[in-house]
Amino acid sequence: MANALISIQIIPKTKNGESVIPYVDEAIKVIQDAGVKHEVHPLETTMEGEFSELMEVIRKMNDRMVEIGSSNVISQVKILYQPEGITMSQLTEKYE
């Protein structure tokens, strides 16, 4: 079972103030390519998995932003670490 939920909002600095949407799309692609369970929401994406694996995904997201032209990146991250296990559905099932 997963031991962490991590929500991330990635805010890349663009060259000439252009839209960040293509950058955010690339960041989400990094998550998808990692194969971790995730849910995309309007202001952030939540991932479910092993803490160290998810932190590596965040590193790769930031690296990708720089690779495609961002001079810097702000990553706003929320972490729930629960060694005995946690899933997104455990926190949201009463709302479904």
N, C-alpha and C. Protein backbone atom coordinates (compact mmCIF):
# COMPACT_ATOMS: atom_id res chain seq x y z
N MET A 1 0.84 -1.19 0.00
CA MET A 1 0.00 0.00 0.00
C MET A 1 0.88 1.24 0.00
N ALA A 2 0.40 2.27 -0.63
CA ALA A 2 1.10 3.55 -0.68
C ALA A 2 1.27 4.11 0.72
N ASN A 3 2.36 4.82 0.95
CA ASN A 3 2.55 5.44 2.25
C ASN A 3 2.53 6.98 2.19
N ALA A 4 2.21 7.52 1.01
CA ALA A 4 2.19 8.98 0.89
C ALA A 4 1.21 9.46 -0.17
N LEU A 5 0.65 10.61 0.11
CA LEU A 5 -0.11 11.37 -0.86
C LEU A 5 0.62 12.70 -0.99
N ILE A 6 0.91 13.10 -2.21
CA ILE A 6 1.58 14.38 -2.42
C ILE A 6 0.82 15.14 -3.50
N SER A 7 0.41 16.36 -3.14
CA SER A 7 -0.23 17.25 -4.10
C SER A 7 0.80 18.29 -4.50
N ILE A 8 0.85 18.58 -5.80
CA ILE A 8 1.82 19.55 -6.29
C ILE A 8 1.16 20.51 -7.28
N GLN A 9 1.50 21.76 -7.10
CA GLN A 9 1.18 22.79 -8.09
C GLN A 9 2.52 23.32 -8.56
N ILE A 10 2.77 23.22 -9.85
CA ILE A 10 4.05 23.64 -10.40
C ILE A 10 3.83 24.95 -11.17
N ILE A 11 4.68 25.94 -10.86
CA ILE A 11 4.53 27.27 -11.45
C ILE A 11 5.86 27.64 -12.11
N PRO A 12 5.99 27.37 -13.41
CA PRO A 12 7.24 27.70 -14.09
C PRO A 12 7.26 29.15 -14.54
N LYS A 13 8.44 29.74 -14.51
CA LYS A 13 8.61 31.09 -15.07
C LYS A 13 8.81 30.92 -16.57
N THR A 14 7.98 31.60 -17.35
CA THR A 14 8.08 31.50 -18.80
C THR A 14 8.93 32.65 -19.34
N LYS A 15 9.46 32.47 -20.53
CA LYS A 15 10.42 33.42 -21.10
C LYS A 15 9.85 34.82 -21.27
N ASN A 16 8.72 34.94 -21.94
CA ASN A 16 8.16 36.25 -22.25
C ASN A 16 6.74 36.40 -21.72
N GLY A 17 6.48 35.77 -20.59
CA GLY A 17 5.16 35.86 -20.01
C GLY A 17 4.10 35.06 -20.75
N GLU A 18 4.56 34.10 -21.60
CA GLU A 18 3.58 33.29 -22.33
C GLU A 18 2.87 32.34 -21.36
N SER A 19 1.84 31.71 -21.84
CA SER A 19 1.02 30.81 -21.04
C SER A 19 1.85 29.69 -20.42
N VAL A 20 1.53 29.36 -19.20
CA VAL A 20 2.21 28.25 -18.53
C VAL A 20 1.58 26.90 -18.84
N ILE A 21 0.42 26.90 -19.51
CA ILE A 21 -0.31 25.65 -19.75
C ILE A 21 0.53 24.59 -20.47
N PRO A 22 1.28 24.91 -21.52
CA PRO A 22 2.10 23.87 -22.15
C PRO A 22 3.15 23.30 -21.18
N TYR A 23 3.65 24.13 -20.28
CA TYR A 23 4.61 23.66 -19.28
C TYR A 23 3.92 22.72 -18.28
N VAL A 24 2.75 23.12 -17.82
CA VAL A 24 2.00 22.29 -16.88
C VAL A 24 1.65 20.95 -17.54
N ASP A 25 1.27 20.99 -18.81
CA ASP A 25 1.00 19.74 -19.53
C ASP A 25 2.22 18.82 -19.52
N GLU A 26 3.40 19.40 -19.70
CA GLU A 26 4.63 18.61 -19.66
C GLU A 26 4.89 18.05 -18.26
N ALA A 27 4.60 18.84 -17.24
CA ALA A 27 4.78 18.37 -15.86
C ALA A 27 3.86 17.19 -15.58
N ILE A 28 2.63 17.27 -16.04
CA ILE A 28 1.68 16.17 -15.85
C ILE A 28 2.14 14.94 -16.64
N LYS A 29 2.72 15.15 -17.80
CA LYS A 29 3.24 14.04 -18.58
C LYS A 29 4.35 13.30 -17.82
N VAL A 30 5.17 14.04 -17.08
CA VAL A 30 6.21 13.41 -16.26
C VAL A 30 5.57 12.46 -15.25
N ILE A 31 4.49 12.90 -14.63
CA ILE A 31 3.77 12.06 -13.67
C ILE A 31 3.22 10.83 -14.38
N GLN A 32 2.57 11.04 -15.51
CA GLN A 32 1.99 9.92 -16.26
C GLN A 32 3.06 8.92 -16.67
N ASP A 33 4.20 9.42 -17.15
CA ASP A 33 5.29 8.54 -17.57
C ASP A 33 5.87 7.75 -16.40
N ALA A 34 5.78 8.30 -15.20
CA ALA A 34 6.28 7.60 -14.01
C ALA A 34 5.38 6.45 -13.61
N GLY A 35 4.13 6.48 -14.09
CA GLY A 35 3.21 5.39 -13.81
C GLY A 35 2.63 5.38 -12.41
N VAL A 36 2.72 6.50 -11.70
CA VAL A 36 2.14 6.55 -10.36
C VAL A 36 0.67 6.93 -10.44
N LYS A 37 -0.10 6.44 -9.49
CA LYS A 37 -1.51 6.80 -9.43
C LYS A 37 -1.60 8.30 -9.16
N HIS A 38 -2.49 8.98 -9.90
CA HIS A 38 -2.62 10.42 -9.72
C HIS A 38 -4.00 10.88 -10.16
N GLU A 39 -4.36 12.05 -9.68
CA GLU A 39 -5.58 12.73 -10.10
C GLU A 39 -5.23 14.18 -10.39
N VAL A 40 -5.65 14.64 -11.56
CA VAL A 40 -5.42 16.03 -11.96
C VAL A 40 -6.63 16.85 -11.54
N HIS A 41 -6.37 17.93 -10.84
CA HIS A 41 -7.42 18.86 -10.40
C HIS A 41 -7.10 20.24 -10.98
N PRO A 42 -8.04 21.17 -10.90
CA PRO A 42 -7.82 22.47 -11.54
C PRO A 42 -6.58 23.22 -11.06
N LEU A 43 -6.23 23.11 -9.79
CA LEU A 43 -5.12 23.90 -9.27
C LEU A 43 -3.92 23.08 -8.82
N GLU A 44 -4.03 21.77 -8.84
CA GLU A 44 -2.93 20.91 -8.42
C GLU A 44 -3.20 19.48 -8.87
N THR A 45 -2.16 18.67 -8.80
CA THR A 45 -2.29 17.25 -9.10
C THR A 45 -1.87 16.48 -7.86
N THR A 46 -2.65 15.47 -7.50
CA THR A 46 -2.34 14.64 -6.34
C THR A 46 -1.84 13.29 -6.81
N MET A 47 -0.72 12.87 -6.21
CA MET A 47 -0.13 11.57 -6.51
C MET A 47 -0.22 10.68 -5.29
N GLU A 48 -0.28 9.38 -5.53
CA GLU A 48 -0.34 8.38 -4.47
C GLU A 48 0.76 7.36 -4.71
N GLY A 49 1.56 7.08 -3.69
CA GLY A 49 2.61 6.09 -3.86
C GLY A 49 3.58 6.08 -2.71
N GLU A 50 4.76 5.55 -2.97
CA GLU A 50 5.82 5.53 -1.98
C GLU A 50 6.48 6.90 -1.93
N PHE A 51 6.70 7.39 -0.73
CA PHE A 51 7.21 8.74 -0.52
C PHE A 51 8.45 9.04 -1.38
N SER A 52 9.45 8.19 -1.32
CA SER A 52 10.69 8.46 -2.05
C SER A 52 10.46 8.47 -3.56
N GLU A 53 9.60 7.61 -4.06
CA GLU A 53 9.29 7.57 -5.49
C GLU A 53 8.60 8.86 -5.93
N LEU A 54 7.66 9.34 -5.12
CA LEU A 54 6.94 10.56 -5.47
C LEU A 54 7.85 11.78 -5.43
N MET A 55 8.78 11.81 -4.48
CA MET A 55 9.73 12.92 -4.43
C MET A 55 10.64 12.92 -5.66
N GLU A 56 10.97 11.75 -6.16
CA GLU A 56 11.76 11.65 -7.38
C GLU A 56 10.97 12.18 -8.58
N VAL A 57 9.68 11.91 -8.61
CA VAL A 57 8.82 12.43 -9.69
C VAL A 57 8.83 13.96 -9.64
N ILE A 58 8.76 14.53 -8.46
CA ILE A 58 8.79 15.99 -8.33
C ILE A 58 10.12 16.55 -8.85
N ARG A 59 11.22 15.89 -8.53
CA ARG A 59 12.51 16.33 -9.04
C ARG A 59 12.52 16.32 -10.56
N LYS A 60 11.99 15.25 -11.14
CA LYS A 60 11.95 15.13 -12.60
C LYS A 60 11.05 16.20 -13.22
N MET A 61 9.95 16.53 -12.55
CA MET A 61 9.06 17.59 -13.04
C MET A 61 9.81 18.92 -13.11
N ASN A 62 10.53 19.24 -12.06
CA ASN A 62 11.28 20.50 -12.04
C ASN A 62 12.38 20.50 -13.10
N ASP A 63 13.09 19.38 -13.23
CA ASP A 63 14.12 19.28 -14.26
C ASP A 63 13.52 19.48 -15.65
N ARG A 64 12.35 18.89 -15.88
CA ARG A 64 11.71 19.00 -17.20
C ARG A 64 11.35 20.45 -17.51
N MET A 65 10.88 21.19 -16.51
CA MET A 65 10.52 22.59 -16.74
C MET A 65 11.73 23.37 -17.23
N VAL A 66 12.88 23.14 -16.63
CA VAL A 66 14.10 23.83 -17.03
C VAL A 66 14.53 23.38 -18.43
N GLU A 67 14.40 22.07 -18.69
CA GLU A 67 14.77 21.54 -20.02
C GLU A 67 13.99 22.22 -21.14
N ILE A 68 12.74 22.55 -20.89
CA ILE A 68 11.91 23.12 -21.95
C ILE A 68 11.88 24.65 -21.93
N GLY A 69 12.74 25.26 -21.10
CA GLY A 69 12.91 26.69 -21.21
C GLY A 69 12.56 27.55 -20.02
N SER A 70 12.09 26.99 -18.94
CA SER A 70 11.78 27.80 -17.77
C SER A 70 13.08 28.14 -17.05
N SER A 71 13.23 29.40 -16.66
CA SER A 71 14.45 29.79 -15.95
C SER A 71 14.41 29.44 -14.47
N ASN A 72 13.20 29.31 -13.92
CA ASN A 72 13.04 28.83 -12.55
C ASN A 72 11.63 28.29 -12.36
N VAL A 73 11.44 27.56 -11.28
CA VAL A 73 10.17 26.88 -11.05
C VAL A 73 9.82 26.98 -9.57
N ILE A 74 8.59 27.32 -9.30
CA ILE A 74 8.06 27.25 -7.94
C ILE A 74 7.22 25.98 -7.87
N SER A 75 7.49 25.14 -6.89
CA SER A 75 6.68 23.93 -6.68
C SER A 75 6.04 24.03 -5.30
N GLN A 76 4.73 24.18 -5.30
CA GLN A 76 4.00 24.19 -4.04
C GLN A 76 3.54 22.77 -3.77
N VAL A 77 3.99 22.21 -2.65
CA VAL A 77 3.80 20.79 -2.38
C VAL A 77 3.12 20.61 -1.03
N LYS A 78 2.14 19.69 -1.01
CA LYS A 78 1.51 19.25 0.24
C LYS A 78 1.77 17.76 0.36
N ILE A 79 2.21 17.32 1.51
CA ILE A 79 2.58 15.92 1.71
C ILE A 79 1.82 15.35 2.90
N LEU A 80 1.21 14.19 2.67
CA LEU A 80 0.69 13.38 3.77
C LEU A 80 1.50 12.09 3.76
N TYR A 81 2.33 11.91 4.77
CA TYR A 81 3.15 10.71 4.90
C TYR A 81 2.57 9.89 6.03
N GLN A 82 2.18 8.67 5.74
CA GLN A 82 1.56 7.78 6.73
C GLN A 82 2.16 6.39 6.55
N PRO A 83 3.19 6.05 7.34
CA PRO A 83 3.92 4.80 7.14
C PRO A 83 3.05 3.55 7.08
N GLU A 84 1.94 3.52 7.80
CA GLU A 84 1.09 2.32 7.78
C GLU A 84 0.21 2.23 6.54
N GLY A 85 0.25 3.28 5.70
CA GLY A 85 -0.47 3.25 4.43
C GLY A 85 -1.58 4.28 4.36
N ILE A 86 -1.79 4.79 3.15
CA ILE A 86 -2.84 5.79 2.89
C ILE A 86 -3.17 5.78 1.40
N THR A 87 -4.43 6.02 1.10
CA THR A 87 -4.86 6.15 -0.30
C THR A 87 -5.74 7.40 -0.43
N MET A 88 -5.84 7.89 -1.64
CA MET A 88 -6.71 9.04 -1.89
C MET A 88 -8.15 8.69 -1.52
N SER A 89 -8.58 7.48 -1.88
CA SER A 89 -9.97 7.11 -1.63
C SER A 89 -10.30 7.05 -0.14
N GLN A 90 -9.34 6.74 0.70
CA GLN A 90 -9.60 6.74 2.14
C GLN A 90 -10.01 8.13 2.62
N LEU A 91 -9.49 9.15 1.98
CA LEU A 91 -9.80 10.51 2.41
C LEU A 91 -11.03 11.08 1.73
N THR A 92 -11.42 10.50 0.60
CA THR A 92 -12.53 11.10 -0.16
C THR A 92 -13.76 10.22 -0.30
N GLU A 93 -13.71 8.99 0.17
CA GLU A 93 -14.81 8.05 -0.08
C GLU A 93 -16.16 8.55 0.41
N LYS A 94 -16.22 9.28 1.48
CA LYS A 94 -17.52 9.76 1.97
C LYS A 94 -18.13 10.82 1.05
N TYR A 95 -17.33 11.37 0.12
CA TYR A 95 -17.83 12.37 -0.80
C TYR A 95 -18.19 11.80 -2.17
N GLU A 96 -17.88 10.56 -2.38
CA GLU A 96 -18.11 9.95 -3.69
C GLU A 96 -19.52 9.36 -3.78
